[in-house]
Amino acid sequence: MVTAFLGATGLWIGLGVLVLFGLIFMGLYNGLVAGRNQCRNAWSQVDVQLKRRYDLIPNLVETAKGYLKHERETLEAVIKARQVAIDAKTVGEQAKAENMLTSTLRSLFAVSENYPDLKANQNMLALQEELTSTENRIGFARQHYNDSVLRYNNKVQQFPGNIIANMFAFREEEFFELEDQAAREAVKVQF
């Protein structure tokens, strides 16, 4: 009778341990899925703000075009950089494209300093305000994305989550990093 009781108790303990491991496994897997989805959501927020920025650039170029007749190269560089940024597919490509776009916008703003009529233009002033606001939104969205990537990558790399991540092909996400130190700051628009 005692051995039958010990055998039944051992069976229940074994089942309890299996259920516990199953729950831990489920929790780790669901945490990885939630983290990956959070990264995707955060990236889509960055993408929304970048698209907003891209939509402002043609208006900015059109407004400046009449005043900057001798600065055609600068305007064309901005347009080209915008298109490269729109066409970027990966986070790394997007970061490089944003560096180029920020640089060309800085050039446009530097050139526009030589045109007092452009600096006083109401459309240009409104676009300046809108672009500044958008740059701030991009900064906040980028920070949220990178925070989400950090939390997710920690889950993918830390034990025991790394075992589950390797079993189900969860891969680390890429941070949205800017290369140029000057590009780490929002574009300062002053007319």
N, C-alpha and C. Protein backbone atom coordinates (compact mmCIF):
# COMPACT_ATOMS: atom_id res chain seq x y z
N MET A 1 0.81 -1.18 0.00
CA MET A 1 0.00 0.00 0.00
C MET A 1 0.87 1.26 0.00
N VAL A 2 1.93 1.27 0.78
CA VAL A 2 2.82 2.42 0.85
C VAL A 2 3.50 2.64 -0.50
N THR A 3 3.96 1.60 -1.16
CA THR A 3 4.60 1.76 -2.46
C THR A 3 3.62 2.24 -3.52
N ALA A 4 2.38 1.79 -3.41
CA ALA A 4 1.37 2.27 -4.36
C ALA A 4 1.12 3.76 -4.14
N PHE A 5 1.09 4.17 -2.84
CA PHE A 5 0.88 5.58 -2.53
C PHE A 5 2.05 6.42 -3.03
N LEU A 6 3.29 5.94 -2.78
CA LEU A 6 4.49 6.66 -3.24
C LEU A 6 4.53 6.72 -4.76
N GLY A 7 4.12 5.65 -5.42
CA GLY A 7 4.09 5.64 -6.89
C GLY A 7 3.10 6.65 -7.43
N ALA A 8 1.90 6.72 -6.82
CA ALA A 8 0.88 7.68 -7.25
C ALA A 8 1.33 9.11 -6.94
N THR A 9 1.97 9.32 -5.81
CA THR A 9 2.47 10.64 -5.44
C THR A 9 3.57 11.08 -6.41
N GLY A 10 4.45 10.17 -6.72
CA GLY A 10 5.52 10.47 -7.69
C GLY A 10 4.96 10.84 -9.05
N LEU A 11 3.90 10.14 -9.44
CA LEU A 11 3.26 10.44 -10.72
C LEU A 11 2.68 11.85 -10.71
N TRP A 12 2.01 12.21 -9.60
CA TRP A 12 1.43 13.55 -9.49
C TRP A 12 2.51 14.63 -9.45
N ILE A 13 3.58 14.35 -8.77
CA ILE A 13 4.70 15.31 -8.72
C ILE A 13 5.29 15.47 -10.11
N GLY A 14 5.48 14.38 -10.80
CA GLY A 14 6.01 14.43 -12.17
C GLY A 14 5.10 15.22 -13.10
N LEU A 15 3.78 14.98 -12.99
CA LEU A 15 2.83 15.74 -13.80
C LEU A 15 2.86 17.23 -13.43
N GLY A 16 2.98 17.50 -12.14
CA GLY A 16 3.05 18.90 -11.69
C GLY A 16 4.27 19.61 -12.25
N VAL A 17 5.40 18.91 -12.25
CA VAL A 17 6.64 19.49 -12.81
C VAL A 17 6.48 19.73 -14.30
N LEU A 18 5.88 18.78 -15.03
CA LEU A 18 5.65 18.95 -16.47
C LEU A 18 4.73 20.14 -16.75
N VAL A 19 3.67 20.26 -15.96
CA VAL A 19 2.75 21.39 -16.13
C VAL A 19 3.48 22.71 -15.85
N LEU A 20 4.29 22.73 -14.79
CA LEU A 20 5.06 23.93 -14.45
C LEU A 20 6.00 24.31 -15.59
N PHE A 21 6.73 23.34 -16.14
CA PHE A 21 7.62 23.63 -17.27
C PHE A 21 6.83 24.09 -18.49
N GLY A 22 5.68 23.49 -18.70
CA GLY A 22 4.83 23.91 -19.82
C GLY A 22 4.37 25.35 -19.66
N LEU A 23 3.99 25.74 -18.46
CA LEU A 23 3.57 27.12 -18.20
C LEU A 23 4.74 28.10 -18.38
N ILE A 24 5.91 27.72 -17.90
CA ILE A 24 7.10 28.57 -18.07
C ILE A 24 7.41 28.71 -19.56
N PHE A 25 7.38 27.61 -20.28
CA PHE A 25 7.64 27.62 -21.73
C PHE A 25 6.64 28.54 -22.43
N MET A 26 5.36 28.40 -22.08
CA MET A 26 4.33 29.21 -22.69
C MET A 26 4.54 30.69 -22.39
N GLY A 27 4.88 30.99 -21.16
CA GLY A 27 5.12 32.38 -20.77
C GLY A 27 6.29 32.99 -21.52
N LEU A 28 7.38 32.23 -21.66
CA LEU A 28 8.55 32.72 -22.39
C LEU A 28 8.23 32.93 -23.87
N TYR A 29 7.56 31.97 -24.47
CA TYR A 29 7.20 32.07 -25.88
C TYR A 29 6.28 33.28 -26.12
N ASN A 30 5.24 33.41 -25.30
CA ASN A 30 4.31 34.52 -25.46
C ASN A 30 4.99 35.87 -25.21
N GLY A 31 5.95 35.90 -24.30
CA GLY A 31 6.71 37.13 -24.06
C GLY A 31 7.54 37.52 -25.28
N LEU A 32 8.12 36.54 -25.94
CA LEU A 32 8.89 36.81 -27.16
C LEU A 32 7.98 37.32 -28.28
N VAL A 33 6.82 36.69 -28.44
CA VAL A 33 5.87 37.13 -29.47
C VAL A 33 5.41 38.55 -29.17
N ALA A 34 5.08 38.83 -27.92
CA ALA A 34 4.63 40.17 -27.55
C ALA A 34 5.74 41.20 -27.78
N GLY A 35 6.97 40.85 -27.44
CA GLY A 35 8.09 41.76 -27.66
C GLY A 35 8.33 42.04 -29.13
N ARG A 36 8.25 41.01 -29.95
CA ARG A 36 8.43 41.18 -31.40
C ARG A 36 7.32 42.07 -31.96
N ASN A 37 6.10 41.85 -31.52
CA ASN A 37 4.99 42.66 -31.99
C ASN A 37 5.11 44.11 -31.51
N GLN A 38 5.62 44.30 -30.31
CA GLN A 38 5.84 45.66 -29.81
C GLN A 38 6.88 46.39 -30.67
N CYS A 39 7.93 45.69 -31.07
CA CYS A 39 8.94 46.28 -31.96
C CYS A 39 8.32 46.67 -33.30
N ARG A 40 7.51 45.79 -33.84
CA ARG A 40 6.86 46.09 -35.13
C ARG A 40 5.93 47.28 -35.00
N ASN A 41 5.18 47.35 -33.92
CA ASN A 41 4.29 48.48 -33.70
C ASN A 41 5.09 49.77 -33.54
N ALA A 42 6.16 49.72 -32.77
CA ALA A 42 6.99 50.91 -32.56
C ALA A 42 7.60 51.37 -33.88
N TRP A 43 8.02 50.41 -34.72
CA TRP A 43 8.58 50.79 -36.02
C TRP A 43 7.51 51.45 -36.90
N SER A 44 6.31 50.95 -36.82
CA SER A 44 5.26 51.55 -37.65
C SER A 44 4.98 52.98 -37.19
N GLN A 45 5.17 53.28 -35.91
CA GLN A 45 5.02 54.65 -35.43
C GLN A 45 6.13 55.55 -35.98
N VAL A 46 7.35 55.02 -36.02
CA VAL A 46 8.46 55.77 -36.64
C VAL A 46 8.14 56.00 -38.10
N ASP A 47 7.68 54.97 -38.77
CA ASP A 47 7.37 55.05 -40.19
C ASP A 47 6.30 56.11 -40.48
N VAL A 48 5.29 56.20 -39.64
CA VAL A 48 4.24 57.21 -39.81
C VAL A 48 4.84 58.61 -39.74
N GLN A 49 5.71 58.83 -38.78
CA GLN A 49 6.32 60.16 -38.64
C GLN A 49 7.28 60.47 -39.79
N LEU A 50 8.00 59.45 -40.25
CA LEU A 50 8.89 59.67 -41.39
C LEU A 50 8.09 60.01 -42.64
N LYS A 51 6.98 59.33 -42.85
CA LYS A 51 6.12 59.63 -44.00
C LYS A 51 5.58 61.05 -43.91
N ARG A 52 5.24 61.48 -42.71
CA ARG A 52 4.78 62.85 -42.51
C ARG A 52 5.89 63.83 -42.93
N ARG A 53 7.11 63.51 -42.54
CA ARG A 53 8.25 64.35 -42.92
C ARG A 53 8.42 64.37 -44.44
N TYR A 54 8.32 63.19 -45.05
CA TYR A 54 8.49 63.11 -46.51
C TYR A 54 7.41 63.90 -47.23
N ASP A 55 6.21 63.94 -46.67
CA ASP A 55 5.12 64.70 -47.29
C ASP A 55 5.36 66.21 -47.20
N LEU A 56 6.06 66.66 -46.18
CA LEU A 56 6.34 68.09 -46.03
C LEU A 56 7.43 68.57 -46.98
N ILE A 57 8.34 67.70 -47.33
CA ILE A 57 9.51 68.11 -48.11
C ILE A 57 9.14 68.66 -49.48
N PRO A 58 8.25 68.05 -50.25
CA PRO A 58 7.91 68.65 -51.55
C PRO A 58 7.34 70.06 -51.42
N ASN A 59 6.54 70.30 -50.38
CA ASN A 59 6.01 71.65 -50.16
C ASN A 59 7.14 72.62 -49.84
N LEU A 60 8.07 72.18 -49.06
CA LEU A 60 9.23 73.01 -48.70
C LEU A 60 10.04 73.35 -49.94
N VAL A 61 10.29 72.34 -50.77
CA VAL A 61 11.07 72.54 -51.99
C VAL A 61 10.33 73.48 -52.95
N GLU A 62 9.02 73.28 -53.11
CA GLU A 62 8.25 74.14 -54.00
C GLU A 62 8.26 75.59 -53.53
N THR A 63 8.13 75.79 -52.23
CA THR A 63 8.15 77.15 -51.69
C THR A 63 9.51 77.80 -51.93
N ALA A 64 10.56 77.03 -51.73
CA ALA A 64 11.91 77.58 -51.88
C ALA A 64 12.32 77.74 -53.34
N LYS A 65 11.72 76.98 -54.23
CA LYS A 65 12.14 76.94 -55.63
C LYS A 65 12.15 78.31 -56.29
N GLY A 66 11.12 79.09 -56.06
CA GLY A 66 11.04 80.41 -56.68
C GLY A 66 12.14 81.34 -56.22
N TYR A 67 12.59 81.18 -55.00
CA TYR A 67 13.61 82.06 -54.46
C TYR A 67 15.02 81.56 -54.74
N LEU A 68 15.17 80.27 -54.82
CA LEU A 68 16.50 79.66 -54.91
C LEU A 68 16.81 79.21 -56.34
N LYS A 69 16.60 80.06 -57.30
CA LYS A 69 16.81 79.67 -58.69
C LYS A 69 18.25 79.25 -58.96
N HIS A 70 19.18 79.81 -58.23
CA HIS A 70 20.60 79.49 -58.47
C HIS A 70 21.08 78.32 -57.61
N GLU A 71 20.20 77.73 -56.86
CA GLU A 71 20.57 76.65 -55.94
C GLU A 71 19.89 75.35 -56.34
N ARG A 72 19.78 75.12 -57.62
CA ARG A 72 19.07 73.95 -58.13
C ARG A 72 19.66 72.63 -57.62
N GLU A 73 20.97 72.57 -57.51
CA GLU A 73 21.63 71.34 -57.04
C GLU A 73 21.18 70.98 -55.62
N THR A 74 21.06 71.99 -54.77
CA THR A 74 20.63 71.75 -53.40
C THR A 74 19.21 71.19 -53.37
N LEU A 75 18.33 71.80 -54.16
CA LEU A 75 16.94 71.33 -54.21
C LEU A 75 16.85 69.90 -54.76
N GLU A 76 17.63 69.62 -55.79
CA GLU A 76 17.62 68.27 -56.37
C GLU A 76 18.17 67.24 -55.38
N ALA A 77 19.18 67.65 -54.59
CA ALA A 77 19.74 66.73 -53.60
C ALA A 77 18.70 66.40 -52.53
N VAL A 78 17.91 67.38 -52.13
CA VAL A 78 16.86 67.13 -51.14
C VAL A 78 15.82 66.16 -51.70
N ILE A 79 15.42 66.39 -52.93
CA ILE A 79 14.42 65.52 -53.57
C ILE A 79 14.95 64.09 -53.70
N LYS A 80 16.20 63.97 -54.11
CA LYS A 80 16.80 62.63 -54.26
C LYS A 80 16.92 61.93 -52.91
N ALA A 81 17.35 62.66 -51.89
CA ALA A 81 17.49 62.07 -50.55
C ALA A 81 16.14 61.63 -50.01
N ARG A 82 15.10 62.38 -50.28
CA ARG A 82 13.74 62.02 -49.86
C ARG A 82 13.34 60.70 -50.51
N GLN A 83 13.61 60.55 -51.80
CA GLN A 83 13.23 59.33 -52.50
C GLN A 83 13.99 58.12 -51.98
N VAL A 84 15.28 58.31 -51.70
CA VAL A 84 16.08 57.21 -51.15
C VAL A 84 15.51 56.78 -49.80
N ALA A 85 15.11 57.75 -49.00
CA ALA A 85 14.54 57.44 -47.68
C ALA A 85 13.20 56.71 -47.82
N ILE A 86 12.39 57.13 -48.76
CA ILE A 86 11.11 56.46 -48.98
C ILE A 86 11.32 55.02 -49.42
N ASP A 87 12.34 54.77 -50.24
CA ASP A 87 12.60 53.45 -50.80
C ASP A 87 13.33 52.50 -49.84
N ALA A 88 13.83 53.00 -48.71
CA ALA A 88 14.59 52.16 -47.77
C ALA A 88 13.70 51.04 -47.25
N LYS A 89 14.27 49.85 -47.16
CA LYS A 89 13.51 48.66 -46.75
C LYS A 89 13.80 48.22 -45.32
N THR A 90 15.05 48.25 -44.90
CA THR A 90 15.42 47.76 -43.58
C THR A 90 15.67 48.94 -42.64
N VAL A 91 15.75 48.64 -41.36
CA VAL A 91 16.02 49.68 -40.38
C VAL A 91 17.38 50.32 -40.65
N GLY A 92 18.38 49.52 -40.99
CA GLY A 92 19.71 50.04 -41.29
C GLY A 92 19.70 50.95 -42.51
N GLU A 93 19.02 50.51 -43.57
CA GLU A 93 18.91 51.35 -44.77
C GLU A 93 18.18 52.65 -44.45
N GLN A 94 17.15 52.54 -43.62
CA GLN A 94 16.37 53.72 -43.24
C GLN A 94 17.25 54.71 -42.47
N ALA A 95 18.07 54.21 -41.56
CA ALA A 95 18.95 55.08 -40.78
C ALA A 95 19.93 55.80 -41.69
N LYS A 96 20.52 55.09 -42.65
CA LYS A 96 21.45 55.73 -43.59
C LYS A 96 20.74 56.77 -44.45
N ALA A 97 19.55 56.43 -44.91
CA ALA A 97 18.79 57.36 -45.74
C ALA A 97 18.40 58.60 -44.94
N GLU A 98 18.05 58.41 -43.68
CA GLU A 98 17.69 59.55 -42.84
C GLU A 98 18.90 60.45 -42.59
N ASN A 99 20.07 59.85 -42.45
CA ASN A 99 21.29 60.65 -42.32
C ASN A 99 21.49 61.53 -43.55
N MET A 100 21.32 60.94 -44.73
CA MET A 100 21.49 61.68 -45.97
C MET A 100 20.43 62.77 -46.10
N LEU A 101 19.19 62.45 -45.78
CA LEU A 101 18.11 63.43 -45.89
C LEU A 101 18.32 64.59 -44.92
N THR A 102 18.69 64.29 -43.70
CA THR A 102 18.95 65.34 -42.72
C THR A 102 20.07 66.26 -43.19
N SER A 103 21.10 65.67 -43.76
CA SER A 103 22.23 66.45 -44.28
C SER A 103 21.80 67.38 -45.41
N THR A 104 20.99 66.87 -46.33
CA THR A 104 20.56 67.72 -47.45
C THR A 104 19.60 68.81 -46.98
N LEU A 105 18.76 68.50 -45.98
CA LEU A 105 17.88 69.54 -45.44
C LEU A 105 18.70 70.62 -44.75
N ARG A 106 19.75 70.23 -44.06
CA ARG A 106 20.63 71.23 -43.43
C ARG A 106 21.24 72.13 -44.50
N SER A 107 21.63 71.54 -45.62
CA SER A 107 22.19 72.34 -46.72
C SER A 107 21.16 73.32 -47.26
N LEU A 108 19.92 72.85 -47.42
CA LEU A 108 18.86 73.72 -47.92
C LEU A 108 18.63 74.89 -46.97
N PHE A 109 18.60 74.61 -45.69
CA PHE A 109 18.36 75.67 -44.72
C PHE A 109 19.54 76.64 -44.65
N ALA A 110 20.74 76.10 -44.80
CA ALA A 110 21.92 76.98 -44.80
C ALA A 110 21.90 77.91 -46.01
N VAL A 111 21.56 77.38 -47.17
CA VAL A 111 21.49 78.19 -48.39
C VAL A 111 20.39 79.24 -48.28
N SER A 112 19.27 78.85 -47.69
CA SER A 112 18.13 79.77 -47.61
C SER A 112 18.41 80.97 -46.72
N GLU A 113 19.41 80.87 -45.86
CA GLU A 113 19.80 82.00 -45.02
C GLU A 113 20.21 83.21 -45.86
N ASN A 114 20.66 82.97 -47.08
CA ASN A 114 21.12 84.05 -47.96
C ASN A 114 19.97 84.75 -48.70
N TYR A 115 18.73 84.31 -48.45
CA TYR A 115 17.57 84.86 -49.16
C TYR A 115 16.57 85.42 -48.15
N PRO A 116 16.67 86.71 -47.83
CA PRO A 116 15.79 87.31 -46.81
C PRO A 116 14.31 87.20 -47.16
N ASP A 117 13.96 87.31 -48.45
CA ASP A 117 12.56 87.21 -48.82
C ASP A 117 12.01 85.81 -48.52
N LEU A 118 12.84 84.82 -48.72
CA LEU A 118 12.43 83.43 -48.43
C LEU A 118 12.25 83.24 -46.93
N LYS A 119 13.16 83.81 -46.16
CA LYS A 119 13.08 83.69 -44.71
C LYS A 119 11.79 84.29 -44.16
N ALA A 120 11.27 85.32 -44.83
CA ALA A 120 10.06 86.00 -44.36
C ALA A 120 8.78 85.43 -44.97
N ASN A 121 8.87 84.53 -45.91
CA ASN A 121 7.71 83.96 -46.58
C ASN A 121 6.83 83.19 -45.59
N GLN A 122 5.53 83.47 -45.58
CA GLN A 122 4.61 82.85 -44.63
C GLN A 122 4.51 81.33 -44.83
N ASN A 123 4.50 80.89 -46.09
CA ASN A 123 4.46 79.44 -46.34
C ASN A 123 5.71 78.78 -45.77
N MET A 124 6.86 79.41 -45.96
CA MET A 124 8.10 78.84 -45.48
C MET A 124 8.11 78.81 -43.95
N LEU A 125 7.59 79.84 -43.33
CA LEU A 125 7.53 79.87 -41.86
C LEU A 125 6.61 78.77 -41.33
N ALA A 126 5.47 78.58 -42.00
CA ALA A 126 4.55 77.52 -41.58
C ALA A 126 5.18 76.14 -41.77
N LEU A 127 5.86 75.96 -42.89
CA LEU A 127 6.53 74.68 -43.14
C LEU A 127 7.64 74.45 -42.13
N GLN A 128 8.34 75.51 -41.78
CA GLN A 128 9.41 75.42 -40.78
C GLN A 128 8.84 74.91 -39.46
N GLU A 129 7.74 75.48 -39.03
CA GLU A 129 7.11 75.06 -37.78
C GLU A 129 6.65 73.61 -37.86
N GLU A 130 6.04 73.25 -38.95
CA GLU A 130 5.55 71.89 -39.15
C GLU A 130 6.70 70.89 -39.18
N LEU A 131 7.78 71.22 -39.85
CA LEU A 131 8.93 70.33 -39.92
C LEU A 131 9.60 70.18 -38.56
N THR A 132 9.71 71.26 -37.83
CA THR A 132 10.30 71.19 -36.49
C THR A 132 9.47 70.27 -35.59
N SER A 133 8.16 70.42 -35.66
CA SER A 133 7.25 69.57 -34.88
C SER A 133 7.41 68.10 -35.30
N THR A 134 7.50 67.87 -36.58
CA THR A 134 7.66 66.51 -37.09
C THR A 134 8.99 65.90 -36.66
N GLU A 135 10.05 66.70 -36.70
CA GLU A 135 11.36 66.20 -36.26
C GLU A 135 11.31 65.76 -34.80
N ASN A 136 10.60 66.51 -33.97
CA ASN A 136 10.46 66.13 -32.57
C ASN A 136 9.68 64.82 -32.44
N ARG A 137 8.62 64.69 -33.22
CA ARG A 137 7.83 63.45 -33.19
C ARG A 137 8.66 62.26 -33.64
N ILE A 138 9.48 62.47 -34.66
CA ILE A 138 10.36 61.40 -35.13
C ILE A 138 11.32 60.98 -34.02
N GLY A 139 11.87 61.95 -33.31
CA GLY A 139 12.79 61.65 -32.22
C GLY A 139 12.14 60.81 -31.13
N PHE A 140 10.91 61.18 -30.75
CA PHE A 140 10.20 60.42 -29.72
C PHE A 140 9.85 59.02 -30.22
N ALA A 141 9.40 58.91 -31.46
CA ALA A 141 9.05 57.60 -32.02
C ALA A 141 10.28 56.71 -32.14
N ARG A 142 11.40 57.30 -32.54
CA ARG A 142 12.65 56.53 -32.64
C ARG A 142 13.08 56.02 -31.28
N GLN A 143 12.96 56.86 -30.27
CA GLN A 143 13.34 56.44 -28.92
C GLN A 143 12.45 55.31 -28.44
N HIS A 144 11.14 55.42 -28.69
CA HIS A 144 10.21 54.36 -28.30
C HIS A 144 10.56 53.05 -29.03
N TYR A 145 10.87 53.16 -30.31
CA TYR A 145 11.25 51.98 -31.08
C TYR A 145 12.51 51.33 -30.48
N ASN A 146 13.52 52.13 -30.24
CA ASN A 146 14.77 51.58 -29.71
C ASN A 146 14.58 50.99 -28.32
N ASP A 147 13.71 51.59 -27.50
CA ASP A 147 13.40 51.01 -26.19
C ASP A 147 12.72 49.65 -26.35
N SER A 148 11.80 49.56 -27.30
CA SER A 148 11.11 48.29 -27.56
C SER A 148 12.08 47.24 -28.05
N VAL A 149 13.00 47.63 -28.93
CA VAL A 149 14.01 46.70 -29.44
C VAL A 149 14.91 46.23 -28.30
N LEU A 150 15.28 47.12 -27.41
CA LEU A 150 16.12 46.74 -26.28
C LEU A 150 15.43 45.69 -25.41
N ARG A 151 14.18 45.92 -25.07
CA ARG A 151 13.44 44.94 -24.24
C ARG A 151 13.33 43.59 -24.96
N TYR A 152 12.99 43.64 -26.24
CA TYR A 152 12.84 42.40 -27.01
C TYR A 152 14.17 41.67 -27.14
N ASN A 153 15.23 42.39 -27.52
CA ASN A 153 16.54 41.76 -27.68
C ASN A 153 17.02 41.15 -26.36
N ASN A 154 16.71 41.80 -25.25
CA ASN A 154 17.07 41.20 -23.95
C ASN A 154 16.37 39.86 -23.76
N LYS A 155 15.10 39.78 -24.13
CA LYS A 155 14.36 38.51 -24.01
C LYS A 155 14.96 37.44 -24.92
N VAL A 156 15.38 37.85 -26.11
CA VAL A 156 15.95 36.90 -27.07
C VAL A 156 17.32 36.41 -26.60
N GLN A 157 18.07 37.26 -25.92
CA GLN A 157 19.44 36.91 -25.55
C GLN A 157 19.56 36.26 -24.17
N GLN A 158 18.65 36.57 -23.24
CA GLN A 158 18.80 36.10 -21.87
C GLN A 158 18.26 34.67 -21.70
N PHE A 159 18.90 33.96 -20.77
CA PHE A 159 18.49 32.60 -20.42
C PHE A 159 17.25 32.69 -19.55
N PRO A 160 16.29 31.86 -19.71
CA PRO A 160 16.11 30.75 -20.63
C PRO A 160 15.40 31.14 -21.92
N GLY A 161 15.06 32.43 -22.06
CA GLY A 161 14.38 32.88 -23.27
C GLY A 161 15.15 32.60 -24.53
N ASN A 162 16.50 32.64 -24.45
CA ASN A 162 17.31 32.39 -25.64
C ASN A 162 17.11 30.97 -26.18
N ILE A 163 16.80 30.04 -25.32
CA ILE A 163 16.56 28.66 -25.79
C ILE A 163 15.28 28.63 -26.63
N ILE A 164 14.23 29.24 -26.11
CA ILE A 164 12.95 29.30 -26.84
C ILE A 164 13.14 30.11 -28.12
N ALA A 165 13.86 31.24 -28.03
CA ALA A 165 14.07 32.09 -29.20
C ALA A 165 14.79 31.31 -30.30
N ASN A 166 15.79 30.53 -29.95
CA ASN A 166 16.52 29.74 -30.96
C ASN A 166 15.65 28.63 -31.53
N MET A 167 14.82 28.02 -30.69
CA MET A 167 13.95 26.93 -31.15
C MET A 167 12.93 27.42 -32.19
N PHE A 168 12.46 28.66 -32.01
CA PHE A 168 11.39 29.17 -32.88
C PHE A 168 11.85 30.33 -33.78
N ALA A 169 13.14 30.45 -33.95
CA ALA A 169 13.75 31.42 -34.89
C ALA A 169 13.37 32.87 -34.61
N PHE A 170 13.29 33.23 -33.34
CA PHE A 170 13.15 34.64 -33.00
C PHE A 170 14.53 35.27 -33.15
N ARG A 171 14.63 36.33 -33.92
CA ARG A 171 15.92 36.98 -34.17
C ARG A 171 15.93 38.37 -33.55
N GLU A 172 17.12 38.83 -33.22
CA GLU A 172 17.25 40.17 -32.68
C GLU A 172 16.80 41.19 -33.71
N GLU A 173 16.25 42.28 -33.22
CA GLU A 173 15.86 43.39 -34.08
C GLU A 173 17.00 44.39 -34.13
N GLU A 174 17.01 45.19 -35.16
CA GLU A 174 18.07 46.18 -35.37
C GLU A 174 17.64 47.52 -34.77
N PHE A 175 18.56 48.17 -34.07
CA PHE A 175 18.29 49.51 -33.54
C PHE A 175 18.29 50.52 -34.67
N PHE A 176 17.56 51.60 -34.49
CA PHE A 176 17.54 52.71 -35.44
C PHE A 176 18.56 53.72 -34.94
N GLU A 177 19.78 53.60 -35.46
CA GLU A 177 20.88 54.44 -35.00
C GLU A 177 21.31 55.40 -36.11
N LEU A 178 21.60 56.61 -35.69
CA LEU A 178 22.10 57.60 -36.63
C LEU A 178 23.62 57.63 -36.52
N GLU A 179 24.27 57.69 -37.68
CA GLU A 179 25.74 57.63 -37.71
C GLU A 179 26.37 58.99 -37.41
N ASP A 180 25.87 60.01 -38.01
CA ASP A 180 26.43 61.34 -37.91
C ASP A 180 26.01 61.98 -36.60
N GLN A 181 26.97 62.46 -35.81
CA GLN A 181 26.66 63.08 -34.53
C GLN A 181 25.75 64.28 -34.72
N ALA A 182 25.96 65.07 -35.76
CA ALA A 182 25.11 66.22 -36.03
C ALA A 182 23.70 65.79 -36.37
N ALA A 183 23.56 64.64 -36.99
CA ALA A 183 22.23 64.14 -37.38
C ALA A 183 21.47 63.60 -36.18
N ARG A 184 22.14 63.43 -35.05
CA ARG A 184 21.46 62.95 -33.85
C ARG A 184 20.55 64.02 -33.26
N GLU A 185 20.74 65.24 -33.69
CA GLU A 185 19.89 66.32 -33.22
C GLU A 185 18.81 66.59 -34.25
N ALA A 186 17.69 67.11 -33.78
CA ALA A 186 16.62 67.46 -34.71
C ALA A 186 17.11 68.58 -35.62
N VAL A 187 16.59 68.59 -36.83
CA VAL A 187 16.97 69.64 -37.78
C VAL A 187 16.50 70.96 -37.21
N LYS A 188 17.41 71.92 -37.12
CA LYS A 188 17.06 73.25 -36.62
C LYS A 188 16.75 74.12 -37.82
N VAL A 189 15.51 74.52 -37.89
CA VAL A 189 15.04 75.29 -39.03
C VAL A 189 14.88 76.73 -38.59
N GLN A 190 15.65 77.61 -39.19
CA GLN A 190 15.56 79.03 -38.85
C GLN A 190 15.60 79.86 -40.13
N PHE A 191 14.55 80.61 -40.32
CA PHE A 191 14.50 81.48 -41.49
C PHE A 191 14.40 82.92 -41.03
